[in-house]
Amino acid sequence: MRTKDELGLSGEQLAADYLEDRGIRVIDSNWRCSSGEIDIVALDGQDLVIVEVKTRRSRRYGDPLEAITKAKLLRLRTLAVLWARDHNRVVGALRIDAVGIIMGGRQEPSIDHIKGVA
């Protein structure tokens, strides 16, 4: 059985592959600063996309996307500005997406991607 950290990293890699397959270019991942962490930073055309990934083994305790709070979404907006400043990026539109993944047992992972959650 995978540890929580291993499960999270596997989910983030799966999410990155999923996004890339849909033409959303991943440009950074697991970026950290004193204010928090961004799971995935991507570009969808010219739009900067900040992606929060939640991975679970099952829906036993609810859908993974339910774990993304309003406070987390507000923090992601702040982190997006800090990331852009740290990387000398001028951004036009900013979008925050959420990806929920269920990686349970022998079945194929279930991936839910919601664009523009905040």
N, C-alpha and C. Protein backbone atom coordinates (compact mmCIF):
# COMPACT_ATOMS: atom_id res chain seq x y z
N MET A 1 0.84 -1.19 0.00
CA MET A 1 0.00 0.00 0.00
C MET A 1 0.89 1.25 0.00
N ARG A 2 0.47 2.24 -0.74
CA ARG A 2 1.24 3.48 -0.84
C ARG A 2 1.02 4.36 0.38
N THR A 3 2.08 5.09 0.74
CA THR A 3 1.91 6.08 1.79
C THR A 3 1.13 7.26 1.22
N LYS A 4 0.67 8.12 2.11
CA LYS A 4 -0.09 9.29 1.69
C LYS A 4 0.73 10.17 0.74
N ASP A 5 2.02 10.37 1.07
CA ASP A 5 2.88 11.20 0.21
C ASP A 5 3.08 10.57 -1.17
N GLU A 6 3.30 9.25 -1.18
CA GLU A 6 3.47 8.56 -2.46
C GLU A 6 2.21 8.63 -3.29
N LEU A 7 1.07 8.47 -2.64
CA LEU A 7 -0.21 8.56 -3.34
C LEU A 7 -0.38 9.95 -3.94
N GLY A 8 -0.07 10.97 -3.15
CA GLY A 8 -0.19 12.35 -3.64
C GLY A 8 0.72 12.63 -4.82
N LEU A 9 1.97 12.19 -4.74
CA LEU A 9 2.91 12.41 -5.84
C LEU A 9 2.48 11.64 -7.09
N SER A 10 1.98 10.42 -6.91
CA SER A 10 1.48 9.65 -8.05
C SER A 10 0.29 10.35 -8.70
N GLY A 11 -0.60 10.88 -7.86
CA GLY A 11 -1.76 11.59 -8.37
C GLY A 11 -1.36 12.85 -9.12
N GLU A 12 -0.38 13.58 -8.60
CA GLU A 12 0.08 14.80 -9.27
C GLU A 12 0.70 14.47 -10.62
N GLN A 13 1.46 13.38 -10.71
CA GLN A 13 2.04 12.98 -11.99
C GLN A 13 0.95 12.57 -12.98
N LEU A 14 -0.03 11.83 -12.49
CA LEU A 14 -1.15 11.43 -13.34
C LEU A 14 -1.91 12.66 -13.83
N ALA A 15 -2.13 13.63 -12.95
CA ALA A 15 -2.81 14.86 -13.33
C ALA A 15 -2.00 15.63 -14.38
N ALA A 16 -0.69 15.71 -14.19
CA ALA A 16 0.17 16.41 -15.16
C ALA A 16 0.08 15.74 -16.53
N ASP A 17 0.14 14.41 -16.57
CA ASP A 17 0.02 13.69 -17.84
C ASP A 17 -1.34 13.94 -18.48
N TYR A 18 -2.39 13.91 -17.65
CA TYR A 18 -3.75 14.15 -18.13
C TYR A 18 -3.86 15.54 -18.77
N LEU A 19 -3.33 16.54 -18.08
CA LEU A 19 -3.39 17.91 -18.60
C LEU A 19 -2.61 18.04 -19.90
N GLU A 20 -1.40 17.48 -19.93
CA GLU A 20 -0.57 17.54 -21.14
C GLU A 20 -1.28 16.89 -22.32
N ASP A 21 -1.95 15.76 -22.07
CA ASP A 21 -2.69 15.07 -23.14
C ASP A 21 -3.81 15.93 -23.71
N ARG A 22 -4.25 16.93 -22.94
CA ARG A 22 -5.32 17.82 -23.38
C ARG A 22 -4.81 19.18 -23.83
N GLY A 23 -3.50 19.27 -24.05
CA GLY A 23 -2.92 20.49 -24.59
C GLY A 23 -2.61 21.57 -23.58
N ILE A 24 -2.69 21.25 -22.31
CA ILE A 24 -2.34 22.20 -21.26
C ILE A 24 -0.90 21.89 -20.85
N ARG A 25 -0.01 22.84 -21.09
CA ARG A 25 1.43 22.60 -20.91
C ARG A 25 1.86 22.86 -19.47
N VAL A 26 2.34 21.82 -18.80
CA VAL A 26 2.83 21.93 -17.42
C VAL A 26 4.21 22.57 -17.46
N ILE A 27 4.39 23.67 -16.69
CA ILE A 27 5.67 24.36 -16.68
C ILE A 27 6.36 24.32 -15.31
N ASP A 28 5.66 23.88 -14.28
CA ASP A 28 6.26 23.77 -12.96
C ASP A 28 5.37 22.87 -12.10
N SER A 29 5.98 22.28 -11.09
CA SER A 29 5.18 21.47 -10.17
C SER A 29 5.82 21.48 -8.79
N ASN A 30 4.97 21.30 -7.80
CA ASN A 30 5.40 21.29 -6.40
C ASN A 30 6.24 22.51 -6.03
N TRP A 31 5.81 23.67 -6.52
CA TRP A 31 6.52 24.92 -6.19
C TRP A 31 6.12 25.35 -4.79
N ARG A 32 7.15 25.66 -4.00
CA ARG A 32 6.91 26.04 -2.60
C ARG A 32 7.53 27.40 -2.29
N CYS A 33 6.86 28.09 -1.38
CA CYS A 33 7.41 29.30 -0.78
C CYS A 33 6.90 29.33 0.66
N SER A 34 7.24 30.37 1.38
CA SER A 34 6.82 30.43 2.78
C SER A 34 5.30 30.53 2.95
N SER A 35 4.59 30.91 1.89
CA SER A 35 3.13 31.05 1.98
C SER A 35 2.36 29.79 1.61
N GLY A 36 3.05 28.80 1.04
CA GLY A 36 2.35 27.58 0.68
C GLY A 36 2.96 26.88 -0.51
N GLU A 37 2.16 26.02 -1.14
CA GLU A 37 2.63 25.20 -2.26
C GLU A 37 1.60 25.18 -3.38
N ILE A 38 2.11 25.17 -4.59
CA ILE A 38 1.28 24.98 -5.78
C ILE A 38 1.61 23.60 -6.33
N ASP A 39 0.58 22.78 -6.56
CA ASP A 39 0.82 21.43 -7.08
C ASP A 39 1.33 21.49 -8.52
N ILE A 40 0.59 22.19 -9.38
CA ILE A 40 0.96 22.26 -10.80
C ILE A 40 0.74 23.68 -11.30
N VAL A 41 1.71 24.18 -12.05
CA VAL A 41 1.59 25.45 -12.77
C VAL A 41 1.63 25.09 -14.25
N ALA A 42 0.67 25.61 -15.02
CA ALA A 42 0.58 25.23 -16.43
C ALA A 42 0.18 26.44 -17.27
N LEU A 43 0.30 26.27 -18.57
CA LEU A 43 -0.18 27.26 -19.52
C LEU A 43 -1.23 26.60 -20.42
N ASP A 44 -2.37 27.26 -20.55
CA ASP A 44 -3.41 26.84 -21.47
C ASP A 44 -3.53 27.97 -22.47
N GLY A 45 -2.85 27.84 -23.59
CA GLY A 45 -2.69 28.97 -24.49
C GLY A 45 -1.83 30.00 -23.79
N GLN A 46 -2.35 31.21 -23.61
CA GLN A 46 -1.64 32.27 -22.90
C GLN A 46 -2.05 32.38 -21.43
N ASP A 47 -3.04 31.60 -21.02
CA ASP A 47 -3.54 31.67 -19.65
C ASP A 47 -2.64 30.90 -18.70
N LEU A 48 -2.33 31.53 -17.56
CA LEU A 48 -1.62 30.84 -16.50
C LEU A 48 -2.64 30.04 -15.71
N VAL A 49 -2.37 28.76 -15.53
CA VAL A 49 -3.31 27.87 -14.84
C VAL A 49 -2.62 27.28 -13.61
N ILE A 50 -3.22 27.52 -12.46
CA ILE A 50 -2.76 26.94 -11.21
C ILE A 50 -3.68 25.76 -10.92
N VAL A 51 -3.09 24.59 -10.69
CA VAL A 51 -3.90 23.38 -10.54
C VAL A 51 -3.68 22.78 -9.16
N GLU A 52 -4.78 22.61 -8.44
CA GLU A 52 -4.77 21.92 -7.15
C GLU A 52 -5.20 20.48 -7.41
N VAL A 53 -4.39 19.53 -6.96
CA VAL A 53 -4.66 18.12 -7.18
C VAL A 53 -4.97 17.45 -5.84
N LYS A 54 -6.07 16.73 -5.79
CA LYS A 54 -6.43 15.95 -4.61
C LYS A 54 -6.60 14.50 -5.04
N THR A 55 -5.87 13.61 -4.39
CA THR A 55 -5.89 12.19 -4.73
C THR A 55 -6.34 11.38 -3.52
N ARG A 56 -7.23 10.44 -3.78
CA ARG A 56 -7.72 9.56 -2.72
C ARG A 56 -7.71 8.12 -3.23
N ARG A 57 -7.79 7.19 -2.30
CA ARG A 57 -7.88 5.78 -2.66
C ARG A 57 -9.32 5.37 -2.99
N SER A 58 -10.29 6.10 -2.44
CA SER A 58 -11.70 5.80 -2.68
C SER A 58 -12.52 7.05 -2.35
N ARG A 59 -13.82 6.94 -2.57
CA ARG A 59 -14.73 8.03 -2.20
C ARG A 59 -15.37 7.76 -0.83
N ARG A 60 -14.80 6.85 -0.10
CA ARG A 60 -15.34 6.45 1.19
C ARG A 60 -15.57 7.64 2.12
N TYR A 61 -14.67 8.61 2.09
CA TYR A 61 -14.80 9.79 2.94
C TYR A 61 -15.16 11.04 2.13
N GLY A 62 -15.76 10.82 0.98
CA GLY A 62 -16.18 11.93 0.13
C GLY A 62 -15.32 12.06 -1.11
N ASP A 63 -15.76 12.89 -2.00
CA ASP A 63 -15.05 13.15 -3.24
C ASP A 63 -13.79 13.96 -2.95
N PRO A 64 -12.69 13.67 -3.62
CA PRO A 64 -11.46 14.43 -3.36
C PRO A 64 -11.62 15.94 -3.56
N LEU A 65 -12.44 16.33 -4.52
CA LEU A 65 -12.61 17.76 -4.79
C LEU A 65 -13.31 18.50 -3.65
N GLU A 66 -14.04 17.77 -2.82
CA GLU A 66 -14.70 18.38 -1.67
C GLU A 66 -13.70 18.89 -0.64
N ALA A 67 -12.47 18.42 -0.72
CA ALA A 67 -11.43 18.83 0.23
C ALA A 67 -10.80 20.19 -0.11
N ILE A 68 -11.19 20.76 -1.23
CA ILE A 68 -10.65 22.06 -1.63
C ILE A 68 -11.57 23.15 -1.08
N THR A 69 -11.08 23.87 -0.10
CA THR A 69 -11.88 24.88 0.59
C THR A 69 -11.76 26.25 -0.09
N LYS A 70 -12.66 27.15 0.28
CA LYS A 70 -12.57 28.53 -0.21
C LYS A 70 -11.27 29.17 0.22
N ALA A 71 -10.85 28.89 1.46
CA ALA A 71 -9.58 29.44 1.96
C ALA A 71 -8.41 28.96 1.10
N LYS A 72 -8.43 27.69 0.70
CA LYS A 72 -7.36 27.15 -0.15
C LYS A 72 -7.36 27.85 -1.49
N LEU A 73 -8.53 28.08 -2.06
CA LEU A 73 -8.63 28.75 -3.36
C LEU A 73 -8.09 30.18 -3.28
N LEU A 74 -8.40 30.88 -2.20
CA LEU A 74 -7.87 32.23 -2.01
C LEU A 74 -6.35 32.21 -1.89
N ARG A 75 -5.84 31.23 -1.15
CA ARG A 75 -4.39 31.10 -0.99
C ARG A 75 -3.73 30.80 -2.34
N LEU A 76 -4.38 30.00 -3.18
CA LEU A 76 -3.83 29.68 -4.49
C LEU A 76 -3.71 30.92 -5.37
N ARG A 77 -4.67 31.84 -5.25
CA ARG A 77 -4.57 33.10 -6.01
C ARG A 77 -3.34 33.89 -5.57
N THR A 78 -3.12 33.98 -4.27
CA THR A 78 -1.94 34.67 -3.74
C THR A 78 -0.68 33.97 -4.20
N LEU A 79 -0.66 32.65 -4.12
CA LEU A 79 0.51 31.89 -4.55
C LEU A 79 0.79 32.08 -6.04
N ALA A 80 -0.26 32.20 -6.84
CA ALA A 80 -0.07 32.42 -8.27
C ALA A 80 0.69 33.71 -8.54
N VAL A 81 0.32 34.77 -7.82
CA VAL A 81 1.01 36.05 -7.97
C VAL A 81 2.47 35.92 -7.53
N LEU A 82 2.69 35.23 -6.42
CA LEU A 82 4.06 35.03 -5.93
C LEU A 82 4.88 34.20 -6.90
N TRP A 83 4.27 33.17 -7.48
CA TRP A 83 4.98 32.35 -8.47
C TRP A 83 5.36 33.20 -9.68
N ALA A 84 4.41 33.97 -10.19
CA ALA A 84 4.68 34.80 -11.37
C ALA A 84 5.80 35.80 -11.09
N ARG A 85 5.78 36.40 -9.92
CA ARG A 85 6.83 37.35 -9.55
C ARG A 85 8.18 36.64 -9.44
N ASP A 86 8.20 35.49 -8.80
CA ASP A 86 9.43 34.72 -8.62
C ASP A 86 10.03 34.26 -9.94
N HIS A 87 9.19 34.06 -10.95
CA HIS A 87 9.64 33.56 -12.25
C HIS A 87 9.65 34.65 -13.33
N ASN A 88 9.50 35.91 -12.91
CA ASN A 88 9.50 37.05 -13.83
C ASN A 88 8.54 36.84 -15.00
N ARG A 89 7.34 36.38 -14.67
CA ARG A 89 6.32 36.14 -15.69
C ARG A 89 5.26 37.23 -15.62
N VAL A 90 4.93 37.74 -16.78
CA VAL A 90 3.79 38.63 -16.89
C VAL A 90 2.64 37.75 -17.36
N VAL A 91 1.57 37.75 -16.59
CA VAL A 91 0.46 36.89 -16.96
C VAL A 91 -0.75 37.72 -17.35
N GLY A 92 -1.45 37.22 -18.33
CA GLY A 92 -2.71 37.84 -18.71
C GLY A 92 -3.79 37.31 -17.81
N ALA A 93 -4.46 36.28 -18.30
CA ALA A 93 -5.53 35.67 -17.52
C ALA A 93 -4.96 34.62 -16.57
N LEU A 94 -5.57 34.54 -15.42
CA LEU A 94 -5.21 33.53 -14.42
C LEU A 94 -6.42 32.65 -14.20
N ARG A 95 -6.19 31.35 -14.21
CA ARG A 95 -7.28 30.40 -13.96
C ARG A 95 -6.82 29.41 -12.90
N ILE A 96 -7.73 29.05 -12.03
CA ILE A 96 -7.44 28.02 -11.04
C ILE A 96 -8.32 26.82 -11.34
N ASP A 97 -7.66 25.69 -11.55
CA ASP A 97 -8.36 24.44 -11.85
C ASP A 97 -8.19 23.48 -10.68
N ALA A 98 -9.06 22.50 -10.64
CA ALA A 98 -8.96 21.44 -9.64
C ALA A 98 -9.02 20.10 -10.35
N VAL A 99 -8.19 19.18 -9.89
CA VAL A 99 -8.20 17.83 -10.42
C VAL A 99 -8.37 16.88 -9.23
N GLY A 100 -9.41 16.07 -9.29
CA GLY A 100 -9.66 15.06 -8.27
C GLY A 100 -9.41 13.69 -8.86
N ILE A 101 -8.64 12.88 -8.14
CA ILE A 101 -8.27 11.55 -8.64
C ILE A 101 -8.59 10.49 -7.60
N ILE A 102 -9.19 9.41 -8.08
CA ILE A 102 -9.39 8.23 -7.25
C ILE A 102 -8.49 7.14 -7.83
N MET A 103 -7.53 6.68 -7.01
CA MET A 103 -6.62 5.61 -7.43
C MET A 103 -6.83 4.44 -6.49
N GLY A 104 -7.81 3.62 -6.82
CA GLY A 104 -8.12 2.53 -5.91
C GLY A 104 -8.02 1.17 -6.56
N GLY A 105 -7.33 0.29 -5.92
CA GLY A 105 -7.29 -1.10 -6.33
C GLY A 105 -6.76 -1.33 -7.73
N ARG A 106 -7.39 -2.24 -8.42
CA ARG A 106 -6.92 -2.66 -9.74
C ARG A 106 -7.59 -1.90 -10.88
N GLN A 107 -8.55 -1.06 -10.57
CA GLN A 107 -9.26 -0.34 -11.62
C GLN A 107 -8.44 0.86 -12.10
N GLU A 108 -8.79 1.30 -13.28
CA GLU A 108 -8.15 2.50 -13.83
C GLU A 108 -8.48 3.69 -12.93
N PRO A 109 -7.53 4.60 -12.77
CA PRO A 109 -7.81 5.79 -11.96
C PRO A 109 -8.96 6.62 -12.57
N SER A 110 -9.74 7.21 -11.69
CA SER A 110 -10.81 8.11 -12.11
C SER A 110 -10.29 9.54 -11.96
N ILE A 111 -10.43 10.34 -13.02
CA ILE A 111 -9.92 11.71 -13.00
C ILE A 111 -11.06 12.68 -13.30
N ASP A 112 -11.27 13.63 -12.40
CA ASP A 112 -12.24 14.71 -12.62
C ASP A 112 -11.46 16.01 -12.68
N HIS A 113 -11.64 16.76 -13.77
CA HIS A 113 -10.95 18.04 -13.96
C HIS A 113 -11.99 19.15 -14.08
N ILE A 114 -11.91 20.10 -13.18
CA ILE A 114 -12.82 21.24 -13.22
C ILE A 114 -11.99 22.49 -13.52
N LYS A 115 -12.32 23.12 -14.63
CA LYS A 115 -11.62 24.36 -15.01
C LYS A 115 -12.28 25.54 -14.33
N GLY A 116 -11.45 26.48 -13.90
CA GLY A 116 -11.96 27.72 -13.37
C GLY A 116 -12.78 27.60 -12.10
N VAL A 117 -12.27 26.87 -11.12
CA VAL A 117 -13.00 26.71 -9.86
C VAL A 117 -13.01 27.99 -9.04
N ALA A 118 -12.08 28.89 -9.32
CA ALA A 118 -12.03 30.17 -8.59
C ALA A 118 -11.55 31.26 -9.50
